[in-house]
C-alpha atoms as a PDB file:
ATOM      1  CA  MET A   1      -2.640  22.290  -8.772  1.00  0.00           C
ATOM      2  CA  GLY A   2      -3.833  19.011 -10.179  1.00  0.00           C
ATOM      3  CA  ASP A   3      -5.157  18.383 -13.645  1.00  0.00           C
ATOM      4  CA  ALA A   4      -8.646  19.500 -14.581  1.00  0.00           C
ATOM      5  CA  ILE A   5     -11.486  17.037 -14.227  1.00  0.00           C
ATOM      6  CA  LYS A   6     -12.550  16.034 -17.750  1.00  0.00           C
ATOM      7  CA  SER A   7     -14.424  12.839 -16.937  1.00  0.00           C
ATOM      8  CA  TYR A   8     -15.908  11.042 -13.958  1.00  0.00           C
ATOM      9  CA  LYS A   9     -12.903   8.726 -14.253  1.00  0.00           C
ATOM     10  CA  ASP A  10     -10.693  11.644 -13.185  1.00  0.00           C
ATOM     11  CA  LEU A  11     -12.502  11.878  -9.837  1.00  0.00           C
ATOM     12  CA  ILE A  12     -10.483  10.376  -6.997  1.00  0.00           C
ATOM     13  CA  ALA A  13     -13.774   9.334  -5.367  1.00  0.00           C
ATOM     14  CA  TRP A  14     -14.699   7.328  -8.470  1.00  0.00           C
ATOM     15  CA  GLN A  15     -11.204   5.799  -8.690  1.00  0.00           C
ATOM     16  CA  ARG A  16     -11.343   4.650  -5.052  1.00  0.00           C
ATOM     17  CA  ALA A  17     -14.877   3.309  -5.507  1.00  0.00           C
ATOM     18  CA  TYR A  18     -13.908   1.456  -8.674  1.00  0.00           C
ATOM     19  CA  SER A  19     -10.901  -0.186  -6.995  1.00  0.00           C
ATOM     20  CA  LEU A  20     -13.077  -1.104  -4.024  1.00  0.00           C
ATOM     21  CA  GLY A  21     -15.681  -2.574  -6.359  1.00  0.00           C
ATOM     22  CA  LYS A  22     -13.153  -4.816  -8.073  1.00  0.00           C
ATOM     23  CA  ALA A  23     -11.757  -6.020  -4.736  1.00  0.00           C
ATOM     24  CA  VAL A  24     -15.195  -6.753  -3.302  1.00  0.00           C
ATOM     25  CA  TYR A  25     -16.425  -8.467  -6.446  1.00  0.00           C
ATOM     26  CA  ALA A  26     -13.418 -10.792  -6.276  1.00  0.00           C
ATOM     27  CA  LEU A  27     -13.919 -11.338  -2.543  1.00  0.00           C
ATOM     28  CA  ALA A  28     -17.489 -12.485  -3.198  1.00  0.00           C
ATOM     29  CA  SER A  29     -16.073 -15.542  -4.949  1.00  0.00           C
ATOM     30  CA  ALA A  30     -14.883 -16.788  -1.552  1.00  0.00           C
ATOM     31  CA  LEU A  31     -18.403 -16.836  -0.123  1.00  0.00           C
ATOM     32  CA  PRO A  32     -20.204 -20.168   0.199  1.00  0.00           C
ATOM     33  CA  ASP A  33     -22.364 -21.273  -2.699  1.00  0.00           C
ATOM     34  CA  HIS A  34     -25.505 -21.399  -0.551  1.00  0.00           C
ATOM     35  CA  GLU A  35     -25.260 -17.576  -0.331  1.00  0.00           C
ATOM     36  CA  ARG A  36     -25.451 -17.237  -4.121  1.00  0.00           C
ATOM     37  CA  PHE A  37     -28.844 -15.496  -4.003  1.00  0.00           C
ATOM     38  CA  GLY A  38     -28.226 -13.779  -0.684  1.00  0.00           C
ATOM     39  CA  LEU A  39     -24.983 -12.177   0.365  1.00  0.00           C
ATOM     40  CA  ILE A  40     -23.093 -12.956  -2.844  1.00  0.00           C
ATOM     41  CA  ALA A  41     -25.686 -11.203  -4.981  1.00  0.00           C
ATOM     42  CA  ALA A  42     -26.009  -8.264  -2.578  1.00  0.00           C
ATOM     43  CA  VAL A  43     -22.255  -7.789  -2.115  1.00  0.00           C
ATOM     44  CA  ARG A  44     -21.596  -7.973  -5.848  1.00  0.00           C
ATOM     45  CA  ARG A  45     -24.411  -5.552  -6.647  1.00  0.00           C
ATOM     46  CA  ASN A  46     -23.075  -3.024  -4.147  1.00  0.00           C
ATOM     47  CA  SER A  47     -19.506  -3.592  -5.325  1.00  0.00           C
ATOM     48  CA  TYR A  48     -20.209  -1.836  -8.604  1.00  0.00           C
ATOM     49  CA  SER A  49     -23.076   0.393  -7.506  1.00  0.00           C
ATOM     50  CA  ILE A  50     -20.869   2.859  -5.628  1.00  0.00           C
ATOM     51  CA  ALA A  51     -18.701   3.811  -8.617  1.00  0.00           C
ATOM     52  CA  SER A  52     -21.764   3.689 -10.870  1.00  0.00           C
ATOM     53  CA  GLN A  53     -23.640   6.196  -8.690  1.00  0.00           C
ATOM     54  CA  ILE A  54     -20.662   8.570  -8.727  1.00  0.00           C
ATOM     55  CA  ALA A  55     -20.428   8.338 -12.527  1.00  0.00           C
ATOM     56  CA  GLN A  56     -24.162   8.799 -13.002  1.00  0.00           C
ATOM     57  CA  GLY A  57     -24.244  11.836 -10.733  1.00  0.00           C
ATOM     58  CA  TYR A  58     -21.309  13.407 -12.540  1.00  0.00           C
ATOM     59  CA  GLY A  59     -23.134  12.982 -15.820  1.00  0.00           C
ATOM     60  CA  LYS A  60     -26.336  14.658 -14.645  1.00  0.00           C
ATOM     61  CA  GLY A  61     -24.907  18.110 -15.156  1.00  0.00           C
ATOM     62  CA  ASN A  62     -26.282  19.894 -12.117  1.00  0.00           C
ATOM     63  CA  THR A  63     -25.137  20.057  -8.534  1.00  0.00           C
ATOM     64  CA  ASN A  64     -28.366  18.929  -6.860  1.00  0.00           C
ATOM     65  CA  ASP A  65     -28.602  15.728  -8.918  1.00  0.00           C
ATOM     66  CA  TYR A  66     -24.876  15.156  -8.509  1.00  0.00           C
ATOM     67  CA  LEU A  67     -25.154  15.426  -4.723  1.00  0.00           C
ATOM     68  CA  TRP A  68     -28.192  13.128  -4.700  1.00  0.00           C
ATOM     69  CA  HIS A  69     -26.224  10.399  -6.490  1.00  0.00           C
ATOM     70  CA  LEU A  70     -23.136  10.942  -4.344  1.00  0.00           C
ATOM     71  CA  LYS A  71     -25.248  10.508  -1.222  1.00  0.00           C
ATOM     72  CA  ASN A  72     -26.739   7.346  -2.708  1.00  0.00           C
ATOM     73  CA  ALA A  73     -23.179   6.120  -3.257  1.00  0.00           C
ATOM     74  CA  ARG A  74     -22.417   6.863   0.397  1.00  0.00           C
ATOM     75  CA  GLY A  75     -25.489   4.860   1.384  1.00  0.00           C
ATOM     76  CA  ASP A  76     -24.252   1.999  -0.789  1.00  0.00           C
ATOM     77  CA  ILE A  77     -20.897   2.142   1.011  1.00  0.00           C
ATOM     78  CA  TYR A  78     -22.627   1.819   4.373  1.00  0.00           C
ATOM     79  CA  GLN A  79     -24.791  -1.000   3.062  1.00  0.00           C
ATOM     80  CA  LEU A  80     -21.730  -2.815   1.714  1.00  0.00           C
ATOM     81  CA  ASP A  81     -19.919  -2.270   5.011  1.00  0.00           C
ATOM     82  CA  THR A  82     -22.800  -3.965   6.806  1.00  0.00           C
ATOM     83  CA  GLN A  83     -22.871  -6.864   4.345  1.00  0.00           C
ATOM     84  CA  LEU A  84     -19.138  -7.418   4.732  1.00  0.00           C
ATOM     85  CA  LEU A  85     -19.569  -7.495   8.513  1.00  0.00           C
ATOM     86  CA  PHE A  86     -22.124 -10.274   8.068  1.00  0.00           C
ATOM     87  CA  CYS A  87     -19.601 -12.160   5.929  1.00  0.00           C
ATOM     88  CA  LEU A  88     -16.959 -11.735   8.630  1.00  0.00           C
ATOM     89  CA  ASP A  89     -19.251 -12.589  11.552  1.00  0.00           C
ATOM     90  CA  TYR A  90     -20.566 -15.720   9.840  1.00  0.00           C
ATOM     91  CA  LYS A  91     -16.928 -16.664   9.155  1.00  0.00           C
ATOM     92  CA  TYR A  92     -17.489 -16.745   5.402  1.00  0.00           C
ATOM     93  CA  ILE A  93     -14.280 -14.730   5.077  1.00  0.00           C
ATOM     94  CA  PRO A  94     -11.323 -14.554   7.467  1.00  0.00           C
ATOM     95  CA  PRO A  95     -10.065 -11.263   8.918  1.00  0.00           C
ATOM     96  CA  ALA A  96      -7.044 -11.492   6.604  1.00  0.00           C
ATOM     97  CA  GLN A  97      -9.397 -11.089   3.621  1.00  0.00           C
ATOM     98  CA  TYR A  98     -11.752  -8.641   5.312  1.00  0.00           C
ATOM     99  CA  ASP A  99      -9.217  -6.162   6.709  1.00  0.00           C
ATOM    100  CA  PRO A 100      -7.692  -4.912   3.426  1.00  0.00           C
ATOM    101  CA  VAL A 101     -11.118  -4.571   1.819  1.00  0.00           C
ATOM    102  CA  LYS A 102     -12.417  -2.738   4.882  1.00  0.00           C
ATOM    103  CA  ALA A 103      -9.458  -0.339   4.637  1.00  0.00           C
ATOM    104  CA  GLN A 104     -10.337   0.333   0.983  1.00  0.00           C
ATOM    105  CA  LEU A 105     -13.975   0.855   1.923  1.00  0.00           C
ATOM    106  CA  ASP A 106     -13.043   3.345   4.648  1.00  0.00           C
ATOM    107  CA  GLU A 107     -10.796   5.250   2.238  1.00  0.00           C
ATOM    108  CA  ALA A 108     -13.512   5.337  -0.442  1.00  0.00           C
ATOM    109  CA  GLU A 109     -15.983   6.677   2.125  1.00  0.00           C
ATOM    110  CA  ARG A 110     -13.531   9.315   3.334  1.00  0.00           C
ATOM    111  CA  VAL A 111     -12.821  10.617  -0.169  1.00  0.00           C
ATOM    112  CA  LEU A 112     -16.500  10.548  -1.117  1.00  0.00           C
ATOM    113  CA  ALA A 113     -17.420  12.479   2.041  1.00  0.00           C
ATOM    114  CA  GLY A 114     -14.853  15.120   1.087  1.00  0.00           C
ATOM    115  CA  LEU A 115     -16.343  15.447  -2.390  1.00  0.00           C
ATOM    116  CA  ILE A 116     -19.832  15.808  -0.948  1.00  0.00           C
ATOM    117  CA  ARG A 117     -18.643  18.477   1.495  1.00  0.00           C
ATOM    118  CA  SER A 118     -16.911  20.416  -1.275  1.00  0.00           C
ATOM    119  CA  LEU A 119     -20.073  20.476  -3.380  1.00  0.00           C
ATOM    120  CA  GLU A 120     -22.305  21.461  -0.460  1.00  0.00           C
ATOM    121  CA  ARG A 121     -20.271  24.645   0.177  1.00  0.00           C
END
């Protein structure tokens, strides 16, 4: 078996979300300046919110609060997915930049969904 979970940083879901957050935050730099208070702000906020929600839920100390925060993180993933689609559709980013980030987003969502399912059992 794997090592025991001693910190939220040991959670694969948090690790995937953190990596996604860094990639998305960097990607936001490619967006046009006129989106500074629109998509740039929203994308950056969601880029770190997912990992933050996972960490906060872990720290709450009870399963119901933990699940609540994990489901908020999942909502943030879906919100970020939508925002990135806007960036792609408005041609603010090319598919070559979007595709790897979208793959990371899908992986983060998959792992998070597995964590949620395991706690709901």
